Amino acid sequence: MKILMVLTSHDQLGGTGQKTGFWLEEFAAPYYVFVDAGAEVTLASPLGGQPPEDPKSDAPEAQTDATRRFRADAAAKAALAGTLKLSDVSPKGFDAIFYPGGHGPLWDLAEDKMSIALVEGALAADKPVAAVCHAPGILRHVRTPQGRSVVEGRKVTGFTNSEEQAVGLTAVVPFLVEDMLQANGGIYSRAGDWQPYVVVDGRLITGQNPASSELAAKSLLNALGAEPLVKPSP
């Protein structure tokens, strides 16, 4: 079982002068779900090397068992520091793809031609693709072989407008994930703010927020035929 995790390389939060990147818990929790299930995990990013971590995800209140485990895991930290360049990977080498969130993907992965082609290739080959929190934004320009939006007519979720408003970045982000998914024809649903919620539609798996990252990873394992640990949201 080979799983590719794709992280952002973008570290600027719009014109605010603040830093952004990937959200640590959204990487760490799925990473250990996969590793503990015996999966071979490969990490990639548009620029390769160390992807930027959103400094806010290192705050004490953002820590979980998975983030604490990661901080004490030298091998995992070395793997993260040496991500492959996205241009050097192919969906043919993996059974599934997982995208952690953080605000960074809205700027680079959503527009990255390599990422778009990667997701299109994986779904066309009937391989599951999962994205959590802001990472469903990477589906913005992904198309089916017929040229339609990959989310059109499909059940999806992602970071809500009200959650974005709560963190004060509605006017900073290049687009709102909820609005984009709906504008592209997605059948969007959600739980309450900050509650775990995952939607599975065929080979596409989307999670609403950081609290959904572990469930999204387990849902991906379920899609691969691994023992389902929990049931995803309807």
C-alpha atoms as a PDB file:
ATOM      1  CA  MET A   1       0.000   0.000   0.000  1.00  0.00           C
ATOM      2  CA  LYS A   2       1.723   3.157  -1.253  1.00  0.00           C
ATOM      3  CA  ILE A   3       0.307   6.565  -0.342  1.00  0.00           C
ATOM      4  CA  LEU A   4       1.508   9.927  -1.611  1.00  0.00           C
ATOM      5  CA  MET A   5       1.010  12.958   0.641  1.00  0.00           C
ATOM      6  CA  VAL A   6       1.248  16.331  -1.122  1.00  0.00           C
ATOM      7  CA  LEU A   7       2.008  19.465   0.892  1.00  0.00           C
ATOM      8  CA  THR A   8       2.118  23.140  -0.002  1.00  0.00           C
ATOM      9  CA  SER A   9       5.307  25.112  -0.678  1.00  0.00           C
ATOM     10  CA  HIS A  10       3.610  28.502  -0.213  1.00  0.00           C
ATOM     11  CA  ASP A  11       4.502  30.472   2.924  1.00  0.00           C
ATOM     12  CA  GLN A  12       3.014  33.958   2.486  1.00  0.00           C
ATOM     13  CA  LEU A  13      -0.438  34.786   3.861  1.00  0.00           C
ATOM     14  CA  GLY A  14      -1.512  37.085   1.060  1.00  0.00           C
ATOM     15  CA  GLY A  15      -0.383  40.661   1.617  1.00  0.00           C
ATOM     16  CA  THR A  16      -0.535  40.501   5.406  1.00  0.00           C
ATOM     17  CA  GLY A  17       3.192  40.002   5.915  1.00  0.00           C
ATOM     18  CA  GLN A  18       2.374  36.921   7.987  1.00  0.00           C
ATOM     19  CA  LYS A  19       3.552  33.393   7.319  1.00  0.00           C
ATOM     20  CA  THR A  20       1.391  30.435   6.360  1.00  0.00           C
ATOM     21  CA  GLY A  21       1.921  26.940   4.969  1.00  0.00           C
ATOM     22  CA  PHE A  22       0.549  23.512   5.862  1.00  0.00           C
ATOM     23  CA  TRP A  23      -1.303  22.836   9.121  1.00  0.00           C
ATOM     24  CA  LEU A  24       0.764  20.473  11.263  1.00  0.00           C
ATOM     25  CA  GLU A  25      -2.080  18.389  12.700  1.00  0.00           C
ATOM     26  CA  GLU A  26      -3.519  17.834   9.220  1.00  0.00           C
ATOM     27  CA  PHE A  27      -0.215  16.297   8.184  1.00  0.00           C
ATOM     28  CA  ALA A  28       0.734  14.468  11.380  1.00  0.00           C
ATOM     29  CA  ALA A  29      -2.563  12.724  12.142  1.00  0.00           C
ATOM     30  CA  PRO A  30      -2.996  11.204   8.641  1.00  0.00           C
ATOM     31  CA  TYR A  31       0.718  10.392   8.410  1.00  0.00           C
ATOM     32  CA  TYR A  32       0.533   8.195  11.498  1.00  0.00           C
ATOM     33  CA  VAL A  33      -2.783   6.639  10.463  1.00  0.00           C
ATOM     34  CA  PHE A  34      -1.049   5.516   7.269  1.00  0.00           C
ATOM     35  CA  VAL A  35       2.253   4.471   8.867  1.00  0.00           C
ATOM     36  CA  ASP A  36       0.520   2.528  11.632  1.00  0.00           C
ATOM     37  CA  ALA A  37      -1.520   0.697   8.985  1.00  0.00           C
ATOM     38  CA  GLY A  38       1.703  -0.432   7.331  1.00  0.00           C
ATOM     39  CA  ALA A  39       1.520   1.919   4.353  1.00  0.00           C
ATOM     40  CA  GLU A  40       4.599   3.166   2.535  1.00  0.00           C
ATOM     41  CA  VAL A  41       4.255   6.958   2.660  1.00  0.00           C
ATOM     42  CA  THR A  42       5.973   9.326   0.211  1.00  0.00           C
ATOM     43  CA  LEU A  43       5.937  13.103   0.742  1.00  0.00           C
ATOM     44  CA  ALA A  44       6.001  15.670  -2.072  1.00  0.00           C
ATOM     45  CA  SER A  45       5.560  19.420  -2.551  1.00  0.00           C
ATOM     46  CA  PRO A  46       5.782  21.798  -5.531  1.00  0.00           C
ATOM     47  CA  LEU A  47       9.311  22.963  -4.672  1.00  0.00           C
ATOM     48  CA  GLY A  48      10.531  19.861  -2.852  1.00  0.00           C
ATOM     49  CA  GLY A  49      12.513  19.957   0.371  1.00  0.00           C
ATOM     50  CA  GLN A  50      11.098  21.318   3.620  1.00  0.00           C
ATOM     51  CA  PRO A  51       7.529  22.595   3.180  1.00  0.00           C
ATOM     52  CA  PRO A  52       6.557  25.634   5.255  1.00  0.00           C
ATOM     53  CA  GLU A  53       4.552  24.981   8.389  1.00  0.00           C
ATOM     54  CA  ASP A  54       1.913  27.499   9.411  1.00  0.00           C
ATOM     55  CA  PRO A  55       3.374  28.892  12.652  1.00  0.00           C
ATOM     56  CA  LYS A  56      -0.101  29.050  14.188  1.00  0.00           C
ATOM     57  CA  SER A  57      -0.337  25.265  13.934  1.00  0.00           C
ATOM     58  CA  ASP A  58       2.579  25.043  16.371  1.00  0.00           C
ATOM     59  CA  ALA A  59       0.705  26.962  19.068  1.00  0.00           C
ATOM     60  CA  PRO A  60       0.095  25.052  22.318  1.00  0.00           C
ATOM     61  CA  GLU A  61      -3.668  24.982  21.800  1.00  0.00           C
ATOM     62  CA  ALA A  62      -3.230  23.391  18.349  1.00  0.00           C
ATOM     63  CA  GLN A  63      -1.266  20.400  19.614  1.00  0.00           C
ATOM     64  CA  THR A  64      -2.621  16.840  19.538  1.00  0.00           C
ATOM     65  CA  ASP A  65      -1.220  13.412  20.298  1.00  0.00           C
ATOM     66  CA  ALA A  66      -0.187  13.164  16.638  1.00  0.00           C
ATOM     67  CA  THR A  67       1.688  16.492  16.592  1.00  0.00           C
ATOM     68  CA  ARG A  68       3.498  15.614  19.824  1.00  0.00           C
ATOM     69  CA  ARG A  69       4.421  12.234  18.372  1.00  0.00           C
ATOM     70  CA  PHE A  70       5.763  13.953  15.260  1.00  0.00           C
ATOM     71  CA  ARG A  71       7.928  16.367  17.254  1.00  0.00           C
ATOM     72  CA  ALA A  72       9.617  13.383  18.920  1.00  0.00           C
ATOM     73  CA  ASP A  73       9.991  11.410  15.663  1.00  0.00           C
ATOM     74  CA  ALA A  74      13.354  12.099  14.033  1.00  0.00           C
ATOM     75  CA  ALA A  75      12.629   9.871  11.034  1.00  0.00           C
ATOM     76  CA  ALA A  76       9.332  11.600  10.282  1.00  0.00           C
ATOM     77  CA  LYS A  77      10.920  15.043  10.593  1.00  0.00           C
ATOM     78  CA  ALA A  78      13.677  14.002   8.200  1.00  0.00           C
ATOM     79  CA  ALA A  79      11.122  12.707   5.708  1.00  0.00           C
ATOM     80  CA  LEU A  80       9.227  16.004   5.871  1.00  0.00           C
ATOM     81  CA  ALA A  81      12.435  17.984   5.366  1.00  0.00           C
ATOM     82  CA  GLY A  82      13.172  16.030   2.191  1.00  0.00           C
ATOM     83  CA  THR A  83       9.907  16.052   0.254  1.00  0.00           C
ATOM     84  CA  LEU A  84      10.167  15.173  -3.421  1.00  0.00           C
ATOM     85  CA  LYS A  85       9.412  17.740  -6.091  1.00  0.00           C
ATOM     86  CA  LEU A  86       5.878  17.310  -7.348  1.00  0.00           C
ATOM     87  CA  SER A  87       7.194  17.265 -10.916  1.00  0.00           C
ATOM     88  CA  ASP A  88       9.121  14.085 -10.093  1.00  0.00           C
ATOM     89  CA  VAL A  89       6.145  11.974  -9.001  1.00  0.00           C
ATOM     90  CA  SER A  90       3.456  10.157 -10.966  1.00  0.00           C
ATOM     91  CA  PRO A  91       0.120   8.718  -9.825  1.00  0.00           C
ATOM     92  CA  LYS A  92       1.221   5.428 -11.398  1.00  0.00           C
ATOM     93  CA  GLY A  93       3.579   4.839  -8.478  1.00  0.00           C
ATOM     94  CA  PHE A  94       0.930   5.174  -5.757  1.00  0.00           C
ATOM     95  CA  ASP A  95      -2.325   3.593  -4.656  1.00  0.00           C
ATOM     96  CA  ALA A  96      -3.807   6.812  -3.244  1.00  0.00           C
ATOM     97  CA  ILE A  97      -3.086  10.505  -2.687  1.00  0.00           C
ATOM     98  CA  PHE A  98      -3.722  12.617   0.413  1.00  0.00           C
ATOM     99  CA  TYR A  99      -3.581  16.430   0.606  1.00  0.00           C
ATOM    100  CA  PRO A 100      -3.216  18.051   4.065  1.00  0.00           C
ATOM    101  CA  GLY A 101      -4.578  21.563   4.373  1.00  0.00           C
ATOM    102  CA  GLY A 102      -3.427  24.844   5.796  1.00  0.00           C
ATOM    103  CA  HIS A 103      -3.961  28.077   3.906  1.00  0.00           C
ATOM    104  CA  GLY A 104      -0.903  27.580   1.679  1.00  0.00           C
ATOM    105  CA  PRO A 105      -2.587  25.244  -0.854  1.00  0.00           C
ATOM    106  CA  LEU A 106      -5.047  27.970  -1.835  1.00  0.00           C
ATOM    107  CA  TRP A 107      -2.186  29.892  -3.425  1.00  0.00           C
ATOM    108  CA  ASP A 108       0.029  27.219  -4.970  1.00  0.00           C
ATOM    109  CA  LEU A 109      -1.520  23.753  -5.206  1.00  0.00           C
ATOM    110  CA  ALA A 110      -4.892  25.061  -6.395  1.00  0.00           C
ATOM    111  CA  GLU A 111      -3.156  26.552  -9.431  1.00  0.00           C
ATOM    112  CA  ASP A 112      -0.292  24.061  -9.840  1.00  0.00           C
ATOM    113  CA  LYS A 113      -0.475  22.233 -13.186  1.00  0.00           C
ATOM    114  CA  MET A 114       1.464  19.277 -11.812  1.00  0.00           C
ATOM    115  CA  SER A 115      -0.960  18.875  -8.917  1.00  0.00           C
ATOM    116  CA  ILE A 116      -3.969  19.236 -11.196  1.00  0.00           C
ATOM    117  CA  ALA A 117      -2.602  16.568 -13.547  1.00  0.00           C
ATOM    118  CA  LEU A 118      -1.735  14.325 -10.597  1.00  0.00           C
ATOM    119  CA  VAL A 119      -5.283  14.383  -9.239  1.00  0.00           C
ATOM    120  CA  GLU A 120      -6.827  13.987 -12.680  1.00  0.00           C
ATOM    121  CA  GLY A 121      -4.577  11.010 -13.385  1.00  0.00           C
ATOM    122  CA  ALA A 122      -5.289   9.341 -10.056  1.00  0.00           C
ATOM    123  CA  LEU A 123      -9.064   9.671 -10.298  1.00  0.00           C
ATOM    124  CA  ALA A 124      -9.044   8.565 -13.947  1.00  0.00           C
ATOM    125  CA  ALA A 125      -7.158   5.451 -12.814  1.00  0.00           C
ATOM    126  CA  ASP A 126      -9.783   4.819 -10.097  1.00  0.00           C
ATOM    127  CA  LYS A 127      -7.372   5.667  -7.288  1.00  0.00           C
ATOM    128  CA  PRO A 128      -8.736   7.451  -4.208  1.00  0.00           C
ATOM    129  CA  VAL A 129      -7.810  11.080  -3.539  1.00  0.00           C
ATOM    130  CA  ALA A 130      -8.429  12.737  -0.167  1.00  0.00           C
ATOM    131  CA  ALA A 131      -8.130  16.399   0.799  1.00  0.00           C
ATOM    132  CA  VAL A 132      -8.866  18.007   4.151  1.00  0.00           C
ATOM    133  CA  CYS A 133      -9.755  21.508   5.390  1.00  0.00           C
ATOM    134  CA  HIS A 134      -8.391  24.047   2.857  1.00  0.00           C
ATOM    135  CA  ALA A 135      -6.908  21.306   0.692  1.00  0.00           C
ATOM    136  CA  PRO A 136     -10.194  20.665  -1.178  1.00  0.00           C
ATOM    137  CA  GLY A 137      -9.239  23.978  -2.783  1.00  0.00           C
ATOM    138  CA  ILE A 138      -6.791  21.957  -4.905  1.00  0.00           C
ATOM    139  CA  LEU A 139      -9.845  20.705  -6.835  1.00  0.00           C
ATOM    140  CA  ARG A 140     -10.559  24.195  -8.190  1.00  0.00           C
ATOM    141  CA  HIS A 141      -9.297  23.474 -11.720  1.00  0.00           C
ATOM    142  CA  VAL A 142      -9.342  19.658 -11.741  1.00  0.00           C
ATOM    143  CA  ARG A 143     -11.380  18.285 -14.625  1.00  0.00           C
ATOM    144  CA  THR A 144     -12.855  14.947 -15.614  1.00  0.00           C
ATOM    145  CA  PRO A 145     -11.814  13.329 -18.916  1.00  0.00           C
ATOM    146  CA  GLN A 146     -14.963  14.955 -20.343  1.00  0.00           C
ATOM    147  CA  GLY A 147     -13.708  18.409 -19.348  1.00  0.00           C
ATOM    148  CA  ARG A 148     -16.163  19.056 -16.500  1.00  0.00           C
ATOM    149  CA  SER A 149     -15.255  20.075 -12.968  1.00  0.00           C
ATOM    150  CA  VAL A 150     -14.370  16.977 -10.964  1.00  0.00           C
ATOM    151  CA  VAL A 151     -16.671  18.141  -8.139  1.00  0.00           C
ATOM    152  CA  GLU A 152     -19.695  18.773 -10.359  1.00  0.00           C
ATOM    153  CA  GLY A 153     -22.577  16.671  -9.071  1.00  0.00           C
ATOM    154  CA  ARG A 154     -20.434  15.099  -6.347  1.00  0.00           C
ATOM    155  CA  LYS A 155     -20.843  15.290  -2.594  1.00  0.00           C
ATOM    156  CA  VAL A 156     -18.028  17.333  -1.070  1.00  0.00           C
ATOM    157  CA  THR A 157     -17.031  19.343   1.970  1.00  0.00           C
ATOM    158  CA  GLY A 158     -14.190  21.658   2.982  1.00  0.00           C
ATOM    159  CA  PHE A 159     -13.329  24.592   5.227  1.00  0.00           C
ATOM    160  CA  THR A 160     -16.545  26.537   5.764  1.00  0.00           C
ATOM    161  CA  ASN A 161     -17.126  30.226   5.131  1.00  0.00           C
ATOM    162  CA  SER A 162     -17.992  30.664   8.811  1.00  0.00           C
ATOM    163  CA  GLU A 163     -14.763  28.971   9.904  1.00  0.00           C
ATOM    164  CA  GLU A 164     -12.793  31.265   7.594  1.00  0.00           C
ATOM    165  CA  GLN A 165     -14.623  34.237   9.058  1.00  0.00           C
ATOM    166  CA  ALA A 166     -13.820  32.998  12.557  1.00  0.00           C
ATOM    167  CA  VAL A 167     -10.079  33.046  11.822  1.00  0.00           C
ATOM    168  CA  GLY A 168     -10.383  36.508  10.261  1.00  0.00           C
ATOM    169  CA  LEU A 169      -9.092  35.643   6.788  1.00  0.00           C
ATOM    170  CA  THR A 170     -12.162  35.925   4.578  1.00  0.00           C
ATOM    171  CA  ALA A 171     -10.759  38.988   2.820  1.00  0.00           C
ATOM    172  CA  VAL A 172      -7.198  37.613   2.658  1.00  0.00           C
ATOM    173  CA  VAL A 173      -7.556  34.220   0.988  1.00  0.00           C
ATOM    174  CA  PRO A 174      -7.680  34.122  -2.838  1.00  0.00           C
ATOM    175  CA  PHE A 175     -11.002  32.254  -2.690  1.00  0.00           C
ATOM    176  CA  LEU A 176     -13.312  30.643  -0.156  1.00  0.00           C
ATOM    177  CA  VAL A 177     -13.291  26.844  -0.312  1.00  0.00           C
ATOM    178  CA  GLU A 178     -17.020  26.478   0.367  1.00  0.00           C
ATOM    179  CA  ASP A 179     -17.943  29.025  -2.305  1.00  0.00           C
ATOM    180  CA  MET A 180     -15.568  27.489  -4.869  1.00  0.00           C
ATOM    181  CA  LEU A 181     -16.888  23.970  -4.400  1.00  0.00           C
ATOM    182  CA  GLN A 182     -20.468  25.159  -4.809  1.00  0.00           C
ATOM    183  CA  ALA A 183     -19.617  27.361  -7.805  1.00  0.00           C
ATOM    184  CA  ASN A 184     -18.090  24.323  -9.519  1.00  0.00           C
ATOM    185  CA  GLY A 185     -21.266  22.340  -9.034  1.00  0.00           C
ATOM    186  CA  GLY A 186     -20.310  20.414  -5.916  1.00  0.00           C
ATOM    187  CA  ILE A 187     -23.041  19.169  -3.579  1.00  0.00           C
ATOM    188  CA  TYR A 188     -21.584  20.813  -0.505  1.00  0.00           C
ATOM    189  CA  SER A 189     -22.457  19.820   3.052  1.00  0.00           C
ATOM    190  CA  ARG A 190     -20.939  20.539   6.431  1.00  0.00           C
ATOM    191  CA  ALA A 191     -21.112  19.937  10.156  1.00  0.00           C
ATOM    192  CA  GLY A 192     -20.865  22.597  12.832  1.00  0.00           C
ATOM    193  CA  ASP A 193     -17.760  24.755  12.906  1.00  0.00           C
ATOM    194  CA  TRP A 194     -14.666  22.830  14.048  1.00  0.00           C
ATOM    195  CA  GLN A 195     -16.537  19.511  14.214  1.00  0.00           C
ATOM    196  CA  PRO A 196     -15.091  16.443  12.438  1.00  0.00           C
ATOM    197  CA  TYR A 197     -16.869  15.794   9.151  1.00  0.00           C
ATOM    198  CA  VAL A 198     -15.846  13.781   6.105  1.00  0.00           C
ATOM    199  CA  VAL A 199     -17.690  13.135   2.845  1.00  0.00           C
ATOM    200  CA  VAL A 200     -16.922  10.198   0.574  1.00  0.00           C
ATOM    201  CA  ASP A 201     -18.201  10.230  -3.002  1.00  0.00           C
ATOM    202  CA  GLY A 202     -16.718   7.458  -5.095  1.00  0.00           C
ATOM    203  CA  ARG A 203     -12.940   7.820  -5.036  1.00  0.00           C
ATOM    204  CA  LEU A 204     -13.069  11.445  -3.829  1.00  0.00           C
ATOM    205  CA  ILE A 205     -12.783  12.044  -0.081  1.00  0.00           C
ATOM    206  CA  THR A 206     -13.019  15.504   1.475  1.00  0.00           C
ATOM    207  CA  GLY A 207     -12.790  16.661   5.101  1.00  0.00           C
ATOM    208  CA  GLN A 208     -14.087  19.905   6.571  1.00  0.00           C
ATOM    209  CA  ASN A 209     -11.402  21.113   8.986  1.00  0.00           C
ATOM    210  CA  PRO A 210      -8.373  20.088  11.087  1.00  0.00           C
ATOM    211  CA  ALA A 211     -10.562  17.936  13.340  1.00  0.00           C
ATOM    212  CA  SER A 212     -11.495  15.903  10.245  1.00  0.00           C
ATOM    213  CA  SER A 213      -7.963  14.941   9.232  1.00  0.00           C
ATOM    214  CA  GLU A 214      -7.727  11.616  11.058  1.00  0.00           C
ATOM    215  CA  LEU A 215     -11.176  10.553   9.884  1.00  0.00           C
ATOM    216  CA  ALA A 216     -10.297  11.505   6.299  1.00  0.00           C
ATOM    217  CA  ALA A 217      -7.148   9.387   6.485  1.00  0.00           C
ATOM    218  CA  LYS A 218      -9.074   6.415   7.856  1.00  0.00           C
ATOM    219  CA  SER A 219     -11.650   6.860   5.109  1.00  0.00           C
ATOM    220  CA  LEU A 220      -8.828   6.720   2.566  1.00  0.00           C
ATOM    221  CA  LEU A 221      -7.618   3.440   4.037  1.00  0.00           C
ATOM    222  CA  ASN A 222     -11.179   2.158   3.850  1.00  0.00           C
ATOM    223  CA  ALA A 223     -11.285   3.103   0.158  1.00  0.00           C
ATOM    224  CA  LEU A 224      -8.121   1.066  -0.346  1.00  0.00           C
ATOM    225  CA  GLY A 225      -9.776  -1.953   1.191  1.00  0.00           C
ATOM    226  CA  ALA A 226      -8.055  -1.698   4.546  1.00  0.00           C
ATOM    227  CA  GLU A 227     -10.067  -2.512   7.645  1.00  0.00           C
ATOM    228  CA  PRO A 228     -12.463   0.424   8.221  1.00  0.00           C
ATOM    229  CA  LEU A 229     -11.687   1.880  11.626  1.00  0.00           C
ATOM    230  CA  VAL A 230     -14.605   4.304  11.719  1.00  0.00           C
ATOM    231  CA  LYS A 231     -17.498   5.201   9.477  1.00  0.00           C
ATOM    232  CA  PRO A 232     -17.179   8.485   7.573  1.00  0.00           C
ATOM    233  CA  SER A 233     -19.905  11.093   7.722  1.00  0.00           C
ATOM    234  CA  PRO A 234     -22.785  10.561   5.272  1.00  0.00           C
END
